[in-house]
Amino acid sequence: MSGKKVPVLTQDAPVPMPILSQGIVYKGVVYVSGSLGIIPSTGKFVDGTVADRTDQIFRSISAILKTAGSSLNSLIKVNIFLTNMSEFSTMNEAYAKNMPSGVMPVRTCVAVKGLPFGSDVEIECMAALE
């Protein structure tokens, strides 16, 4: 495996800020930046609940992973940030719906004071290449 970092970019996920990448492939692992519930074609947040935004986040993460040569099936670690832990159950329902069957990734979910652009949920992850 190469020791070179390879950036990942897809139009099927929100355009990243110039100071970061959507994802990086390094030594057989895809590292995906924190993703928000933003619709790639409009740049606007998904209306509705934290579950609706969680679904959009997983669509974006899935697109980034696919571009990198991976998928949700190969997730290793997922980190979730919520601005309101009372949304934990709602987010968890959407999370479970988006997870393929099989070995579940390890996961952390923490409450934070704030997230970029006023988001209520942000998810980052790591996955093995397939």
C-alpha atoms as a PDB file:
ATOM      1  CA  MET A   1       0.000   0.000   0.000  1.00  0.00           C
ATOM      2  CA  SER A   2       1.159   3.461  -0.824  1.00  0.00           C
ATOM      3  CA  GLY A   3       2.014   5.927   1.902  1.00  0.00           C
ATOM      4  CA  LYS A   4       0.619   8.752  -0.237  1.00  0.00           C
ATOM      5  CA  LYS A   5      -2.535  10.595   0.832  1.00  0.00           C
ATOM      6  CA  VAL A   6      -5.127  10.634  -1.955  1.00  0.00           C
ATOM      7  CA  PRO A   7      -7.976  13.170  -1.719  1.00  0.00           C
ATOM      8  CA  VAL A   8     -11.535  12.059  -2.441  1.00  0.00           C
ATOM      9  CA  LEU A   9     -14.017  14.409  -4.114  1.00  0.00           C
ATOM     10  CA  THR A  10     -17.509  13.733  -5.426  1.00  0.00           C
ATOM     11  CA  GLN A  11     -20.298  16.013  -6.620  1.00  0.00           C
ATOM     12  CA  ASP A  12     -22.745  13.715  -4.803  1.00  0.00           C
ATOM     13  CA  ALA A  13     -21.747  15.230  -1.451  1.00  0.00           C
ATOM     14  CA  PRO A  14     -21.585  18.868  -0.360  1.00  0.00           C
ATOM     15  CA  VAL A  15     -18.609  20.818  -1.691  1.00  0.00           C
ATOM     16  CA  PRO A  16     -15.988  21.046   1.050  1.00  0.00           C
ATOM     17  CA  MET A  17     -14.496  24.290   2.312  1.00  0.00           C
ATOM     18  CA  PRO A  18     -11.146  25.029   0.624  1.00  0.00           C
ATOM     19  CA  ILE A  19      -9.294  24.203   3.852  1.00  0.00           C
ATOM     20  CA  LEU A  20     -10.397  20.543   3.939  1.00  0.00           C
ATOM     21  CA  SER A  21     -11.171  17.447   1.861  1.00  0.00           C
ATOM     22  CA  GLN A  22     -14.382  15.419   1.734  1.00  0.00           C
ATOM     23  CA  GLY A  23     -12.202  12.401   2.331  1.00  0.00           C
ATOM     24  CA  ILE A  24      -8.659  11.087   2.209  1.00  0.00           C
ATOM     25  CA  VAL A  25      -7.482   7.575   1.344  1.00  0.00           C
ATOM     26  CA  TYR A  26      -4.350   6.589   3.208  1.00  0.00           C
ATOM     27  CA  LYS A  27      -2.861   3.125   3.610  1.00  0.00           C
ATOM     28  CA  GLY A  28      -6.068   1.236   2.834  1.00  0.00           C
ATOM     29  CA  VAL A  29      -8.371   3.407   4.941  1.00  0.00           C
ATOM     30  CA  VAL A  30     -10.825   6.096   3.848  1.00  0.00           C
ATOM     31  CA  TYR A  31     -11.114   8.985   6.297  1.00  0.00           C
ATOM     32  CA  VAL A  32     -14.309  11.013   5.768  1.00  0.00           C
ATOM     33  CA  SER A  33     -14.561  14.575   7.085  1.00  0.00           C
ATOM     34  CA  GLY A  34     -17.440  15.578   9.281  1.00  0.00           C
ATOM     35  CA  SER A  35     -20.575  15.703   7.136  1.00  0.00           C
ATOM     36  CA  LEU A  36     -23.673  17.820   7.693  1.00  0.00           C
ATOM     37  CA  GLY A  37     -27.243  17.248   6.484  1.00  0.00           C
ATOM     38  CA  ILE A  38     -26.781  19.472   3.436  1.00  0.00           C
ATOM     39  CA  ILE A  39     -28.274  18.705   0.019  1.00  0.00           C
ATOM     40  CA  PRO A  40     -25.342  18.737  -2.444  1.00  0.00           C
ATOM     41  CA  SER A  41     -27.321  20.262  -5.336  1.00  0.00           C
ATOM     42  CA  THR A  42     -28.642  23.221  -3.328  1.00  0.00           C
ATOM     43  CA  GLY A  43     -26.143  23.710  -0.511  1.00  0.00           C
ATOM     44  CA  LYS A  44     -29.083  23.986   1.896  1.00  0.00           C
ATOM     45  CA  PHE A  45     -29.866  21.925   4.975  1.00  0.00           C
ATOM     46  CA  VAL A  46     -32.520  19.223   4.677  1.00  0.00           C
ATOM     47  CA  ASP A  47     -35.764  20.451   6.249  1.00  0.00           C
ATOM     48  CA  GLY A  48     -37.346  18.309   8.926  1.00  0.00           C
ATOM     49  CA  THR A  49     -35.904  16.412  11.839  1.00  0.00           C
ATOM     50  CA  VAL A  50     -32.446  15.362  12.930  1.00  0.00           C
ATOM     51  CA  ALA A  51     -33.353  11.962  11.419  1.00  0.00           C
ATOM     52  CA  ASP A  52     -33.912  13.574   8.010  1.00  0.00           C
ATOM     53  CA  ARG A  53     -30.524  15.287   8.214  1.00  0.00           C
ATOM     54  CA  THR A  54     -28.897  12.046   9.421  1.00  0.00           C
ATOM     55  CA  ASP A  55     -30.305  10.262   6.351  1.00  0.00           C
ATOM     56  CA  GLN A  56     -28.804  12.954   4.096  1.00  0.00           C
ATOM     57  CA  ILE A  57     -25.467  12.686   5.880  1.00  0.00           C
ATOM     58  CA  PHE A  58     -25.362   8.964   5.167  1.00  0.00           C
ATOM     59  CA  ARG A  59     -26.219   9.570   1.492  1.00  0.00           C
ATOM     60  CA  SER A  60     -23.251  11.951   1.330  1.00  0.00           C
ATOM     61  CA  ILE A  61     -20.930   9.631   3.259  1.00  0.00           C
ATOM     62  CA  SER A  62     -21.960   6.735   1.037  1.00  0.00           C
ATOM     63  CA  ALA A  63     -21.130   8.770  -2.089  1.00  0.00           C
ATOM     64  CA  ILE A  64     -17.725   9.739  -0.707  1.00  0.00           C
ATOM     65  CA  LEU A  65     -16.955   6.143   0.260  1.00  0.00           C
ATOM     66  CA  LYS A  66     -18.067   4.859  -3.168  1.00  0.00           C
ATOM     67  CA  THR A  67     -15.814   7.382  -4.930  1.00  0.00           C
ATOM     68  CA  ALA A  68     -12.928   6.226  -2.746  1.00  0.00           C
ATOM     69  CA  GLY A  69     -13.542   2.519  -3.447  1.00  0.00           C
ATOM     70  CA  SER A  70     -15.403   1.617  -0.275  1.00  0.00           C
ATOM     71  CA  SER A  71     -18.934   1.554   1.135  1.00  0.00           C
ATOM     72  CA  LEU A  72     -20.951   1.663   4.334  1.00  0.00           C
ATOM     73  CA  ASN A  73     -20.337  -2.106   4.579  1.00  0.00           C
ATOM     74  CA  SER A  74     -16.679  -1.374   5.336  1.00  0.00           C
ATOM     75  CA  LEU A  75     -17.147   1.244   8.050  1.00  0.00           C
ATOM     76  CA  ILE A  76     -14.699   0.840  10.910  1.00  0.00           C
ATOM     77  CA  LYS A  77     -15.386   3.854  13.134  1.00  0.00           C
ATOM     78  CA  VAL A  78     -18.161   6.438  13.251  1.00  0.00           C
ATOM     79  CA  ASN A  79     -18.136   9.635  15.329  1.00  0.00           C
ATOM     80  CA  ILE A  80     -21.404  11.511  15.806  1.00  0.00           C
ATOM     81  CA  PHE A  81     -21.810  14.998  17.228  1.00  0.00           C
ATOM     82  CA  LEU A  82     -25.218  16.253  18.409  1.00  0.00           C
ATOM     83  CA  THR A  83     -26.072  19.695  19.745  1.00  0.00           C
ATOM     84  CA  ASN A  84     -28.951  18.230  21.753  1.00  0.00           C
ATOM     85  CA  MET A  85     -28.626  14.777  23.309  1.00  0.00           C
ATOM     86  CA  SER A  86     -32.432  14.617  23.585  1.00  0.00           C
ATOM     87  CA  GLU A  87     -32.256  13.908  19.807  1.00  0.00           C
ATOM     88  CA  PHE A  88     -30.157  10.771  20.433  1.00  0.00           C
ATOM     89  CA  SER A  89     -33.030   8.287  19.930  1.00  0.00           C
ATOM     90  CA  THR A  90     -34.293  10.016  16.783  1.00  0.00           C
ATOM     91  CA  MET A  91     -30.794  10.129  15.292  1.00  0.00           C
ATOM     92  CA  ASN A  92     -30.214   6.501  16.328  1.00  0.00           C
ATOM     93  CA  GLU A  93     -33.297   5.333  14.406  1.00  0.00           C
ATOM     94  CA  ALA A  94     -31.979   6.947  11.218  1.00  0.00           C
ATOM     95  CA  TYR A  95     -28.478   5.633  11.940  1.00  0.00           C
ATOM     96  CA  ALA A  96     -29.759   2.053  12.323  1.00  0.00           C
ATOM     97  CA  LYS A  97     -31.793   2.347   9.112  1.00  0.00           C
ATOM     98  CA  ASN A  98     -28.673   3.376   7.187  1.00  0.00           C
ATOM     99  CA  MET A  99     -26.338   0.717   8.585  1.00  0.00           C
ATOM    100  CA  PRO A 100     -25.992  -2.434   6.494  1.00  0.00           C
ATOM    101  CA  SER A 101     -26.306  -5.767   8.293  1.00  0.00           C
ATOM    102  CA  GLY A 102     -23.170  -7.481   9.501  1.00  0.00           C
ATOM    103  CA  VAL A 103     -20.420  -6.345  11.813  1.00  0.00           C
ATOM    104  CA  MET A 104     -21.315  -2.899  13.103  1.00  0.00           C
ATOM    105  CA  PRO A 105     -18.616  -0.215  13.240  1.00  0.00           C
ATOM    106  CA  VAL A 106     -17.388   1.070  16.567  1.00  0.00           C
ATOM    107  CA  ARG A 107     -19.043   4.372  17.398  1.00  0.00           C
ATOM    108  CA  THR A 108     -18.914   7.433  19.583  1.00  0.00           C
ATOM    109  CA  CYS A 109     -21.724   9.946  20.024  1.00  0.00           C
ATOM    110  CA  VAL A 110     -21.150  13.126  21.989  1.00  0.00           C
ATOM    111  CA  ALA A 111     -23.078  16.284  22.742  1.00  0.00           C
ATOM    112  CA  VAL A 112     -21.412  19.504  21.654  1.00  0.00           C
ATOM    113  CA  LYS A 113     -22.226  23.145  22.275  1.00  0.00           C
ATOM    114  CA  GLY A 114     -22.398  24.015  18.585  1.00  0.00           C
ATOM    115  CA  LEU A 115     -21.704  22.746  15.069  1.00  0.00           C
ATOM    116  CA  PRO A 116     -20.796  24.509  11.812  1.00  0.00           C
ATOM    117  CA  PHE A 117     -23.519  26.582  10.135  1.00  0.00           C
ATOM    118  CA  GLY A 118     -25.922  25.908  13.016  1.00  0.00           C
ATOM    119  CA  SER A 119     -26.282  22.196  12.271  1.00  0.00           C
ATOM    120  CA  ASP A 120     -27.767  19.899  14.897  1.00  0.00           C
ATOM    121  CA  VAL A 121     -25.842  16.771  13.776  1.00  0.00           C
ATOM    122  CA  GLU A 122     -22.460  16.039  12.213  1.00  0.00           C
ATOM    123  CA  ILE A 123     -20.980  12.627  11.398  1.00  0.00           C
ATOM    124  CA  GLU A 124     -17.426  11.631  10.462  1.00  0.00           C
ATOM    125  CA  CYS A 125     -16.124   8.146   9.809  1.00  0.00           C
ATOM    126  CA  MET A 126     -13.363   5.818   8.712  1.00  0.00           C
ATOM    127  CA  ALA A 127     -13.780   2.803   6.422  1.00  0.00           C
ATOM    128  CA  ALA A 128     -11.550   0.150   4.911  1.00  0.00           C
ATOM    129  CA  LEU A 129     -11.058   0.076   1.158  1.00  0.00           C
ATOM    130  CA  GLU A 130     -12.899  -2.807  -0.501  1.00  0.00           C
END
